Protein backbone atom coordinates (compact mmCIF):
# COMPACT_ATOMS: atom_id res chain seq x y z
CA MET A 1 -50.88 1.18 1.46
CA GLN A 2 -47.46 -0.26 2.59
CA ASN A 3 -44.52 1.48 2.44
CA HIS A 4 -42.71 -1.09 1.08
CA ARG A 5 -38.86 0.51 1.27
CA GLU A 6 -39.41 -0.09 5.01
CA LYS A 7 -38.87 -3.99 3.85
CA MET A 8 -35.96 -3.47 1.58
CA PRO A 9 -32.55 -4.48 3.48
CA ASP A 10 -30.22 -1.73 4.29
CA THR A 11 -28.32 -2.44 0.12
CA ASN A 12 -25.25 -0.26 0.65
CA GLU A 13 -23.89 -2.61 3.50
CA GLY A 14 -22.62 -5.84 1.80
CA ARG A 15 -20.51 -3.52 -0.67
CA HIS A 16 -17.59 -3.35 0.12
CA SER A 17 -15.07 -0.50 -1.34
CA ALA A 18 -13.59 -0.37 -5.40
CA ASP A 19 -11.84 -4.04 -5.21
CA PRO A 20 -8.37 -3.06 -4.05
CA GLY A 21 -6.84 -4.97 -7.08
CA ILE A 22 -7.69 -3.06 -10.14
CA ASP A 23 -5.44 -0.58 -10.99
CA TYR A 24 -7.21 2.37 -12.50
CA SER A 25 -3.61 4.89 -13.63
CA PRO A 26 -4.11 5.35 -16.54
CA LYS A 27 -1.84 2.87 -19.63
CA THR A 28 1.12 4.45 -20.91
CA TYR A 29 1.42 3.21 -25.01
CA THR A 30 3.59 2.67 -26.71
CA LEU A 31 5.22 4.74 -29.65
CA ARG A 32 3.54 1.77 -32.08
CA GLU A 33 0.70 2.13 -30.19
CA GLN A 34 -0.40 5.42 -30.40
CA ILE A 35 1.30 6.33 -34.46
CA VAL A 36 -1.21 3.38 -35.12
CA PHE A 37 -3.87 5.77 -33.59
CA GLY A 38 -2.90 9.01 -35.11
CA ALA A 39 -2.87 7.44 -37.99
CA LYS A 40 -6.90 5.69 -37.26
CA LEU A 41 -7.84 9.24 -36.89
CA LEU A 42 -6.07 10.88 -39.64
CA VAL A 43 -8.01 8.41 -42.08
CA ILE A 44 -11.20 8.46 -40.21
CA GLY A 45 -10.45 12.76 -40.81
CA GLY A 46 -9.74 12.20 -44.43
CA ILE A 47 -12.86 10.13 -44.61
CA LEU A 48 -15.02 12.87 -43.71
CA LEU A 49 -13.62 15.43 -45.53
CA LEU A 50 -14.01 13.02 -49.06
CA MET A 51 -17.21 12.92 -48.10
CA PHE A 52 -18.26 16.41 -47.10
CA TRP A 53 -16.51 17.76 -50.17
CA LEU A 54 -18.13 15.56 -53.01
CA PHE A 55 -21.71 15.98 -51.50
CA GLU A 56 -20.49 19.66 -52.22
CA LYS A 57 -19.73 18.47 -55.59
């Protein structure tokens, strides 16, 4: 039986590290975006509580 790994080229040779143009720093959100996100979380939480309350009835 032949070892197929010997025939495969080294895949790490041609790869470069992450593109230097990509910025991985965290995004800063505006006050409006933070308020909208918080409102969405409250609505989702309210819907879940309402569902639990209705199922317990």
